[in-house]
Amino acid sequence: MTHLGYTRISTAGQDDQLQRDALTFAGVQARDIYSDVTSGSKEAKSWPGMQKLMSYAQNGDTIVVWRIDRLGRSLLDVLNTVNELRT
């Protein structure tokens, strides 16, 4: 069982260090953090970092995010991401 982290920022001008600090404080190793720089205009499943996370995650792993809105652009998108992770 591994703790995997995910960060997302909207523009390259932003910094995800606050998110990374929270994830490492929660026990996620820096090497296990996946990231995206993308606006919320696309579905989460199309984000490259999210795709890598989804393909790497295995049954029993824990996905850690700074805030739940990092998992999708809308409530429906977050729910779809969570359901995909569950399967």
PDB file of N, CA and C in Angstrom:
ATOM      1  N   MET A   1       0.847  -1.181   0.000  1.00  0.00           N
ATOM      2  CA  MET A   1       0.000   0.000   0.000  1.00  0.00           C
ATOM      3  C   MET A   1       0.893   1.246   0.000  1.00  0.00           C
ATOM      4  N   THR A   2       0.653   2.122  -0.946  1.00  0.00           N
ATOM      5  CA  THR A   2       1.444   3.328  -1.119  1.00  0.00           C
ATOM      6  C   THR A   2       0.550   4.553  -1.030  1.00  0.00           C
ATOM      7  N   HIS A   3       1.070   5.618  -0.456  1.00  0.00           N
ATOM      8  CA  HIS A   3       0.384   6.907  -0.481  1.00  0.00           C
ATOM      9  C   HIS A   3       0.862   7.639  -1.731  1.00  0.00           C
ATOM     10  N   LEU A   4      -0.070   7.959  -2.616  1.00  0.00           N
ATOM     11  CA  LEU A   4       0.229   8.690  -3.842  1.00  0.00           C
ATOM     12  C   LEU A   4      -0.406  10.064  -3.747  1.00  0.00           C
ATOM     13  N   GLY A   5       0.305  11.075  -4.204  1.00  0.00           N
ATOM     14  CA  GLY A   5      -0.210  12.431  -4.140  1.00  0.00           C
ATOM     15  C   GLY A   5      -0.495  12.995  -5.512  1.00  0.00           C
ATOM     16  N   TYR A   6      -1.364  13.994  -5.526  1.00  0.00           N
ATOM     17  CA  TYR A   6      -1.694  14.662  -6.784  1.00  0.00           C
ATOM     18  C   TYR A   6      -1.843  16.154  -6.527  1.00  0.00           C
ATOM     19  N   THR A   7      -1.194  16.969  -7.371  1.00  0.00           N
ATOM     20  CA  THR A   7      -1.348  18.418  -7.313  1.00  0.00           C
ATOM     21  C   THR A   7      -1.801  18.923  -8.673  1.00  0.00           C
ATOM     22  N   ARG A   8      -2.488  20.054  -8.622  1.00  0.00           N
ATOM     23  CA  ARG A   8      -2.898  20.703  -9.878  1.00  0.00           C
ATOM     24  C   ARG A   8      -2.922  22.203  -9.659  1.00  0.00           C
ATOM     25  N   ILE A   9      -2.323  22.913 -10.607  1.00  0.00           N
ATOM     26  CA  ILE A   9      -2.414  24.365 -10.658  1.00  0.00           C
ATOM     27  C   ILE A   9      -2.920  24.746 -12.038  1.00  0.00           C
ATOM     28  N   SER A  10      -3.458  25.956 -12.156  1.00  0.00           N
ATOM     29  CA  SER A  10      -4.096  26.363 -13.410  1.00  0.00           C
ATOM     30  C   SER A  10      -3.136  26.949 -14.424  1.00  0.00           C
ATOM     31  N   THR A  11      -2.106  27.637 -13.960  1.00  0.00           N
ATOM     32  CA  THR A  11      -1.179  28.275 -14.893  1.00  0.00           C
ATOM     33  C   THR A  11       0.258  28.043 -14.447  1.00  0.00           C
ATOM     34  N   ALA A  12       1.163  28.136 -15.394  1.00  0.00           N
ATOM     35  CA  ALA A  12       2.583  27.954 -15.086  1.00  0.00           C
ATOM     36  C   ALA A  12       3.092  29.058 -14.160  1.00  0.00           C
ATOM     37  N   GLY A  13       2.387  30.171 -14.083  1.00  0.00           N
ATOM     38  CA  GLY A  13       2.774  31.259 -13.202  1.00  0.00           C
ATOM     39  C   GLY A  13       2.470  30.977 -11.742  1.00  0.00           C
ATOM     40  N   GLN A  14       1.694  29.942 -11.484  1.00  0.00           N
ATOM     41  CA  GLN A  14       1.368  29.564 -10.111  1.00  0.00           C
ATOM     42  C   GLN A  14       2.392  28.555  -9.601  1.00  0.00           C
ATOM     43  N   ASP A  15       2.344  28.294  -8.310  1.00  0.00           N
ATOM     44  CA  ASP A  15       3.290  27.391  -7.664  1.00  0.00           C
ATOM     45  C   ASP A  15       2.501  26.364  -6.857  1.00  0.00           C
ATOM     46  N   ASP A  16       2.853  25.093  -6.994  1.00  0.00           N
ATOM     47  CA  ASP A  16       2.135  24.056  -6.247  1.00  0.00           C
ATOM     48  C   ASP A  16       2.856  23.650  -4.954  1.00  0.00           C
ATOM     49  N   GLN A  17       3.800  24.477  -4.498  1.00  0.00           N
ATOM     50  CA  GLN A  17       4.593  24.104  -3.326  1.00  0.00           C
ATOM     51  C   GLN A  17       3.734  23.929  -2.074  1.00  0.00           C
ATOM     52  N   LEU A  18       2.726  24.757  -1.879  1.00  0.00           N
ATOM     53  CA  LEU A  18       1.829  24.606  -0.728  1.00  0.00           C
ATOM     54  C   LEU A  18       1.164  23.230  -0.744  1.00  0.00           C
ATOM     55  N   GLN A  19       0.724  22.808  -1.932  1.00  0.00           N
ATOM     56  CA  GLN A  19       0.110  21.485  -2.072  1.00  0.00           C
ATOM     57  C   GLN A  19       1.125  20.381  -1.785  1.00  0.00           C
ATOM     58  N   ARG A  20       2.323  20.508  -2.350  1.00  0.00           N
ATOM     59  CA  ARG A  20       3.374  19.502  -2.143  1.00  0.00           C
ATOM     60  C   ARG A  20       3.756  19.393  -0.665  1.00  0.00           C
ATOM     61  N   ASP A  21       3.860  20.540   0.008  1.00  0.00           N
ATOM     62  CA  ASP A  21       4.187  20.523   1.430  1.00  0.00           C
ATOM     63  C   ASP A  21       3.121  19.773   2.226  1.00  0.00           C
ATOM     64  N   ALA A  22       1.860  20.021   1.901  1.00  0.00           N
ATOM     65  CA  ALA A  22       0.769  19.342   2.603  1.00  0.00           C
ATOM     66  C   ALA A  22       0.801  17.837   2.345  1.00  0.00           C
ATOM     67  N   LEU A  23       1.119  17.445   1.115  1.00  0.00           N
ATOM     68  CA  LEU A  23       1.167  16.019   0.782  1.00  0.00           C
ATOM     69  C   LEU A  23       2.319  15.317   1.487  1.00  0.00           C
ATOM     70  N   THR A  24       3.494  15.941   1.511  1.00  0.00           N
ATOM     71  CA  THR A  24       4.615  15.303   2.193  1.00  0.00           C
ATOM     72  C   THR A  24       4.374  15.259   3.698  1.00  0.00           C
ATOM     73  N   PHE A  25       3.721  16.277   4.257  1.00  0.00           N
ATOM     74  CA  PHE A  25       3.358  16.263   5.672  1.00  0.00           C
ATOM     75  C   PHE A  25       2.403  15.107   5.971  1.00  0.00           C
ATOM     76  N   ALA A  26       1.563  14.764   4.986  1.00  0.00           N
ATOM     77  CA  ALA A  26       0.605  13.663   5.138  1.00  0.00           C
ATOM     78  C   ALA A  26       1.246  12.297   4.894  1.00  0.00           C
ATOM     79  N   GLY A  27       2.538  12.274   4.572  1.00  0.00           N
ATOM     80  CA  GLY A  27       3.236  11.008   4.416  1.00  0.00           C
ATOM     81  C   GLY A  27       3.504  10.559   2.997  1.00  0.00           C
ATOM     82  N   VAL A  28       3.240  11.411   2.028  1.00  0.00           N
ATOM     83  CA  VAL A  28       3.501  11.069   0.626  1.00  0.00           C
ATOM     84  C   VAL A  28       4.968  11.372   0.315  1.00  0.00           C
ATOM     85  N   GLN A  29       5.664  10.413  -0.268  1.00  0.00           N
ATOM     86  CA  GLN A  29       7.042  10.625  -0.706  1.00  0.00           C
ATOM     87  C   GLN A  29       7.033  11.547  -1.933  1.00  0.00           C
ATOM     88  N   ALA A  30       8.020  12.422  -2.029  1.00  0.00           N
ATOM     89  CA  ALA A  30       8.089  13.365  -3.153  1.00  0.00           C
ATOM     90  C   ALA A  30       8.046  12.640  -4.498  1.00  0.00           C
ATOM     91  N   ARG A  31       8.658  11.465  -4.583  1.00  0.00           N
ATOM     92  CA  ARG A  31       8.683  10.713  -5.845  1.00  0.00           C
ATOM     93  C   ARG A  31       7.302  10.179  -6.232  1.00  0.00           C
ATOM     94  N   ASP A  32       6.367  10.171  -5.280  1.00  0.00           N
ATOM     95  CA  ASP A  32       5.028   9.628  -5.523  1.00  0.00           C
ATOM     96  C   ASP A  32       3.984  10.715  -5.724  1.00  0.00           C
ATOM     97  N   ILE A  33       4.427  11.923  -6.053  1.00  0.00           N
ATOM     98  CA  ILE A  33       3.497  13.025  -6.309  1.00  0.00           C
ATOM     99  C   ILE A  33       3.389  13.247  -7.813  1.00  0.00           C
ATOM    100  N   TYR A  34       2.175  13.220  -8.311  1.00  0.00           N
ATOM    101  CA  TYR A  34       1.875  13.466  -9.715  1.00  0.00           C
ATOM    102  C   TYR A  34       1.260  14.855  -9.821  1.00  0.00           C
ATOM    103  N   SER A  35       1.564  15.566 -10.902  1.00  0.00           N
ATOM    104  CA  SER A  35       1.149  16.964 -11.008  1.00  0.00           C
ATOM    105  C   SER A  35       0.681  17.317 -12.405  1.00  0.00           C
ATOM    106  N   ASP A  36      -0.160  18.328 -12.435  1.00  0.00           N
ATOM    107  CA  ASP A  36      -0.594  18.905 -13.700  1.00  0.00           C
ATOM    108  C   ASP A  36      -0.608  20.419 -13.588  1.00  0.00           C
ATOM    109  N   VAL A  37      -0.322  21.077 -14.711  1.00  0.00           N
ATOM    110  CA  VAL A  37      -0.533  22.509 -14.865  1.00  0.00           C
ATOM    111  C   VAL A  37      -1.568  22.621 -15.960  1.00  0.00           C
ATOM    112  N   THR A  38      -2.812  22.800 -15.548  1.00  0.00           N
ATOM    113  CA  THR A  38      -3.906  22.856 -16.516  1.00  0.00           C
ATOM    114  C   THR A  38      -5.090  23.569 -15.906  1.00  0.00           C
ATOM    115  N   SER A  39      -5.809  24.273 -16.741  1.00  0.00           N
ATOM    116  CA  SER A  39      -7.026  24.914 -16.249  1.00  0.00           C
ATOM    117  C   SER A  39      -8.090  23.832 -16.063  1.00  0.00           C
ATOM    118  N   GLY A  40      -9.108  24.171 -15.370  1.00  0.00           N
ATOM    119  CA  GLY A  40     -10.178  23.216 -15.127  1.00  0.00           C
ATOM    120  C   GLY A  40     -11.138  23.084 -16.285  1.00  0.00           C
ATOM    121  N   SER A  41     -10.743  23.481 -17.478  1.00  0.00           N
ATOM    122  CA  SER A  41     -11.674  23.460 -18.606  1.00  0.00           C
ATOM    123  C   SER A  41     -11.802  22.081 -19.244  1.00  0.00           C
ATOM    124  N   LYS A  42     -10.910  21.164 -18.916  1.00  0.00           N
ATOM    125  CA  LYS A  42     -10.962  19.811 -19.471  1.00  0.00           C
ATOM    126  C   LYS A  42     -11.277  18.828 -18.349  1.00  0.00           C
ATOM    127  N   GLU A  43     -11.820  17.677 -18.714  1.00  0.00           N
ATOM    128  CA  GLU A  43     -12.095  16.655 -17.715  1.00  0.00           C
ATOM    129  C   GLU A  43     -10.786  16.134 -17.134  1.00  0.00           C
ATOM    130  N   ALA A  44     -10.831  15.770 -15.865  1.00  0.00           N
ATOM    131  CA  ALA A  44      -9.631  15.310 -15.161  1.00  0.00           C
ATOM    132  C   ALA A  44      -8.984  14.120 -15.855  1.00  0.00           C
ATOM    133  N   LYS A  45      -9.786  13.237 -16.428  1.00  0.00           N
ATOM    134  CA  LYS A  45      -9.200  12.037 -17.037  1.00  0.00           C
ATOM    135  C   LYS A  45      -8.327  12.355 -18.248  1.00  0.00           C
ATOM    136  N   SER A  46      -8.399  13.587 -18.763  1.00  0.00           N
ATOM    137  CA  SER A  46      -7.572  13.966 -19.915  1.00  0.00           C
ATOM    138  C   SER A  46      -6.262  14.635 -19.492  1.00  0.00           C
ATOM    139  N   TRP A  47      -6.088  14.918 -18.220  1.00  0.00           N
ATOM    140  CA  TRP A  47      -4.865  15.570 -17.744  1.00  0.00           C
ATOM    141  C   TRP A  47      -3.722  14.563 -17.693  1.00  0.00           C
ATOM    142  N   PRO A  48      -2.552  14.895 -18.239  1.00  0.00           N
ATOM    143  CA  PRO A  48      -1.437  13.934 -18.299  1.00  0.00           C
ATOM    144  C   PRO A  48      -1.001  13.387 -16.932  1.00  0.00           C
ATOM    145  N   GLY A  49      -0.864  14.253 -15.946  1.00  0.00           N
ATOM    146  CA  GLY A  49      -0.455  13.805 -14.618  1.00  0.00           C
ATOM    147  C   GLY A  49      -1.488  12.888 -13.988  1.00  0.00           C
ATOM    148  N   MET A  50      -2.765  13.214 -14.182  1.00  0.00           N
ATOM    149  CA  MET A  50      -3.842  12.373 -13.657  1.00  0.00           C
ATOM    150  C   MET A  50      -3.837  11.019 -14.357  1.00  0.00           C
ATOM    151  N   GLN A  51      -3.580  11.015 -15.666  1.00  0.00           N
ATOM    152  CA  GLN A  51      -3.503   9.754 -16.397  1.00  0.00           C
ATOM    153  C   GLN A  51      -2.376   8.874 -15.855  1.00  0.00           C
ATOM    154  N   LYS A  52      -1.222   9.472 -15.568  1.00  0.00           N
ATOM    155  CA  LYS A  52      -0.102   8.714 -15.007  1.00  0.00           C
ATOM    156  C   LYS A  52      -0.450   8.173 -13.631  1.00  0.00           C
ATOM    157  N   LEU A  53      -1.084   9.005 -12.816  1.00  0.00           N
ATOM    158  CA  LEU A  53      -1.501   8.568 -11.487  1.00  0.00           C
ATOM    159  C   LEU A  53      -2.462   7.393 -11.582  1.00  0.00           C
ATOM    160  N   MET A  54      -3.452   7.504 -12.443  1.00  0.00           N
ATOM    161  CA  MET A  54      -4.455   6.453 -12.599  1.00  0.00           C
ATOM    162  C   MET A  54      -3.823   5.150 -13.088  1.00  0.00           C
ATOM    163  N   SER A  55      -2.851   5.250 -13.976  1.00  0.00           N
ATOM    164  CA  SER A  55      -2.242   4.024 -14.494  1.00  0.00           C
ATOM    165  C   SER A  55      -1.282   3.398 -13.477  1.00  0.00           C
ATOM    166  N   TYR A  56      -0.741   4.204 -12.566  1.00  0.00           N
ATOM    167  CA  TYR A  56       0.193   3.694 -11.567  1.00  0.00           C
ATOM    168  C   TYR A  56      -0.515   3.146 -10.329  1.00  0.00           C
ATOM    169  N   ALA A  57      -1.611   3.774  -9.927  1.00  0.00           N
ATOM    170  CA  ALA A  57      -2.310   3.400  -8.690  1.00  0.00           C
ATOM    171  C   ALA A  57      -2.788   1.950  -8.748  1.00  0.00           C
ATOM    172  N   GLN A  58      -2.625   1.284  -7.610  1.00  0.00           N
ATOM    173  CA  GLN A  58      -3.047  -0.113  -7.497  1.00  0.00           C
ATOM    174  C   GLN A  58      -4.035  -0.250  -6.346  1.00  0.00           C
ATOM    175  N   ASN A  59      -4.748  -1.354  -6.343  1.00  0.00           N
ATOM    176  CA  ASN A  59      -5.704  -1.632  -5.285  1.00  0.00           C
ATOM    177  C   ASN A  59      -4.996  -1.536  -3.922  1.00  0.00           C
ATOM    178  N   GLY A  60      -5.562  -0.769  -3.017  1.00  0.00           N
ATOM    179  CA  GLY A  60      -4.990  -0.604  -1.690  1.00  0.00           C
ATOM    180  C   GLY A  60      -4.186   0.671  -1.520  1.00  0.00           C
ATOM    181  N   ASP A  61      -3.814   1.332  -2.629  1.00  0.00           N
ATOM    182  CA  ASP A  61      -3.093   2.597  -2.532  1.00  0.00           C
ATOM    183  C   ASP A  61      -4.045   3.682  -2.032  1.00  0.00           C
ATOM    184  N   THR A  62      -3.474   4.713  -1.435  1.00  0.00           N
ATOM    185  CA  THR A  62      -4.238   5.859  -0.956  1.00  0.00           C
ATOM    186  C   THR A  62      -3.839   7.077  -1.779  1.00  0.00           C
ATOM    187  N   ILE A  63      -4.833   7.756  -2.350  1.00  0.00           N
ATOM    188  CA  ILE A  63      -4.591   8.978  -3.115  1.00  0.00           C
ATOM    189  C   ILE A  63      -4.800  10.155  -2.168  1.00  0.00           C
ATOM    190  N   VAL A  64      -3.795  11.015  -2.078  1.00  0.00           N
ATOM    191  CA  VAL A  64      -3.852  12.160  -1.180  1.00  0.00           C
ATOM    192  C   VAL A  64      -3.836  13.434  -2.015  1.00  0.00           C
ATOM    193  N   VAL A  65      -4.768  14.342  -1.723  1.00  0.00           N
ATOM    194  CA  VAL A  65      -4.819  15.645  -2.377  1.00  0.00           C
ATOM    195  C   VAL A  65      -4.933  16.724  -1.310  1.00  0.00           C
ATOM    196  N   TRP A  66      -4.488  17.909  -1.649  1.00  0.00           N
ATOM    197  CA  TRP A  66      -4.542  19.047  -0.742  1.00  0.00           C
ATOM    198  C   TRP A  66      -5.985  19.455  -0.493  1.00  0.00           C
ATOM    199  N   ARG A  67      -6.764  19.530  -1.572  1.00  0.00           N
ATOM    200  CA  ARG A  67      -8.193  19.828  -1.497  1.00  0.00           C
ATOM    201  C   ARG A  67      -8.892  18.968  -2.537  1.00  0.00           C
ATOM    202  N   ILE A  68     -10.112  18.608  -2.248  1.00  0.00           N
ATOM    203  CA  ILE A  68     -10.861  17.702  -3.131  1.00  0.00           C
ATOM    204  C   ILE A  68     -11.045  18.295  -4.531  1.00  0.00           C
ATOM    205  N   ASP A  69     -11.065  19.612  -4.660  1.00  0.00           N
ATOM    206  CA  ASP A  69     -11.255  20.215  -5.979  1.00  0.00           C
ATOM    207  C   ASP A  69     -10.050  20.015  -6.905  1.00  0.00           C
ATOM    208  N   ARG A  70      -8.953  19.501  -6.382  1.00  0.00           N
ATOM    209  CA  ARG A  70      -7.801  19.186  -7.228  1.00  0.00           C
ATOM    210  C   ARG A  70      -8.087  17.966  -8.105  1.00  0.00           C
ATOM    211  N   LEU A  71      -9.105  17.168  -7.744  1.00  0.00           N
ATOM    212  CA  LEU A  71      -9.423  15.942  -8.488  1.00  0.00           C
ATOM    213  C   LEU A  71     -10.356  16.155  -9.677  1.00  0.00           C
ATOM    214  N   GLY A  72     -10.809  17.377  -9.898  1.00  0.00           N
ATOM    215  CA  GLY A  72     -11.700  17.599 -11.026  1.00  0.00           C
ATOM    216  C   GLY A  72     -12.113  19.045 -11.158  1.00  0.00           C
ATOM    217  N   ARG A  73     -12.711  19.355 -12.287  1.00  0.00           N
ATOM    218  CA  ARG A  73     -13.085  20.733 -12.589  1.00  0.00           C
ATOM    219  C   ARG A  73     -14.457  21.095 -12.064  1.00  0.00           C
ATOM    220  N   SER A  74     -15.242  20.093 -11.695  1.00  0.00           N
ATOM    221  CA  SER A  74     -16.589  20.303 -11.171  1.00  0.00           C
ATOM    222  C   SER A  74     -16.908  19.152 -10.226  1.00  0.00           C
ATOM    223  N   LEU A  75     -18.010  19.270  -9.511  1.00  0.00           N
ATOM    224  CA  LEU A  75     -18.401  18.188  -8.611  1.00  0.00           C
ATOM    225  C   LEU A  75     -18.593  16.885  -9.375  1.00  0.00           C
ATOM    226  N   LEU A  76     -19.221  16.949 -10.525  1.00  0.00           N
ATOM    227  CA  LEU A  76     -19.436  15.754 -11.337  1.00  0.00           C
ATOM    228  C   LEU A  76     -18.102  15.148 -11.784  1.00  0.00           C
ATOM    229  N   ASP A  77     -17.163  15.991 -12.175  1.00  0.00           N
ATOM    230  CA  ASP A  77     -15.853  15.510 -12.602  1.00  0.00           C
ATOM    231  C   ASP A  77     -15.106  14.860 -11.430  1.00  0.00           C
ATOM    232  N   VAL A  78     -15.195  15.465 -10.244  1.00  0.00           N
ATOM    233  CA  VAL A  78     -14.569  14.881  -9.051  1.00  0.00           C
ATOM    234  C   VAL A  78     -15.186  13.516  -8.761  1.00  0.00           C
ATOM    235  N   LEU A  79     -16.502  13.426  -8.815  1.00  0.00           N
ATOM    236  CA  LEU A  79     -17.185  12.153  -8.570  1.00  0.00           C
ATOM    237  C   LEU A  79     -16.775  11.094  -9.592  1.00  0.00           C
ATOM    238  N   ASN A  80     -16.660  11.488 -10.852  1.00  0.00           N
ATOM    239  CA  ASN A  80     -16.213  10.556 -11.890  1.00  0.00           C
ATOM    240  C   ASN A  80     -14.796  10.069 -11.613  1.00  0.00           C
ATOM    241  N   THR A  81     -13.918  10.973 -11.186  1.00  0.00           N
ATOM    242  CA  THR A  81     -12.549  10.598 -10.861  1.00  0.00           C
ATOM    243  C   THR A  81     -12.519   9.617  -9.686  1.00  0.00           C
ATOM    244  N   VAL A  82     -13.270   9.920  -8.644  1.00  0.00           N
ATOM    245  CA  VAL A  82     -13.329   9.043  -7.481  1.00  0.00           C
ATOM    246  C   VAL A  82     -13.878   7.670  -7.871  1.00  0.00           C
ATOM    247  N   ASN A  83     -14.935   7.642  -8.674  1.00  0.00           N
ATOM    248  CA  ASN A  83     -15.495   6.357  -9.109  1.00  0.00           C
ATOM    249  C   ASN A  83     -14.506   5.574  -9.952  1.00  0.00           C
ATOM    250  N   GLU A  84     -13.760   6.252 -10.800  1.00  0.00           N
ATOM    251  CA  GLU A  84     -12.751   5.566 -11.617  1.00  0.00           C
ATOM    252  C   GLU A  84     -11.657   4.971 -10.728  1.00  0.00           C
ATOM    253  N   LEU A  85     -11.253   5.724  -9.711  1.00  0.00           N
ATOM    254  CA  LEU A  85     -10.241   5.222  -8.780  1.00  0.00           C
ATOM    255  C   LEU A  85     -10.762   4.004  -8.014  1.00  0.00           C
ATOM    256  N   ARG A  86     -12.013   4.011  -7.673  1.00  0.00           N
ATOM    257  CA  ARG A  86     -12.592   2.893  -6.929  1.00  0.00           C
ATOM    258  C   ARG A  86     -12.620   1.618  -7.747  1.00  0.00           C
ATOM    259  N   THR A  87     -12.787   1.738  -9.068  1.00  0.00           N
ATOM    260  CA  THR A  87     -12.824   0.556  -9.904  1.00  0.00           C
ATOM    261  C   THR A  87     -11.422   0.174 -10.291  1.00  0.00           C
TER     262      THR A  87
END
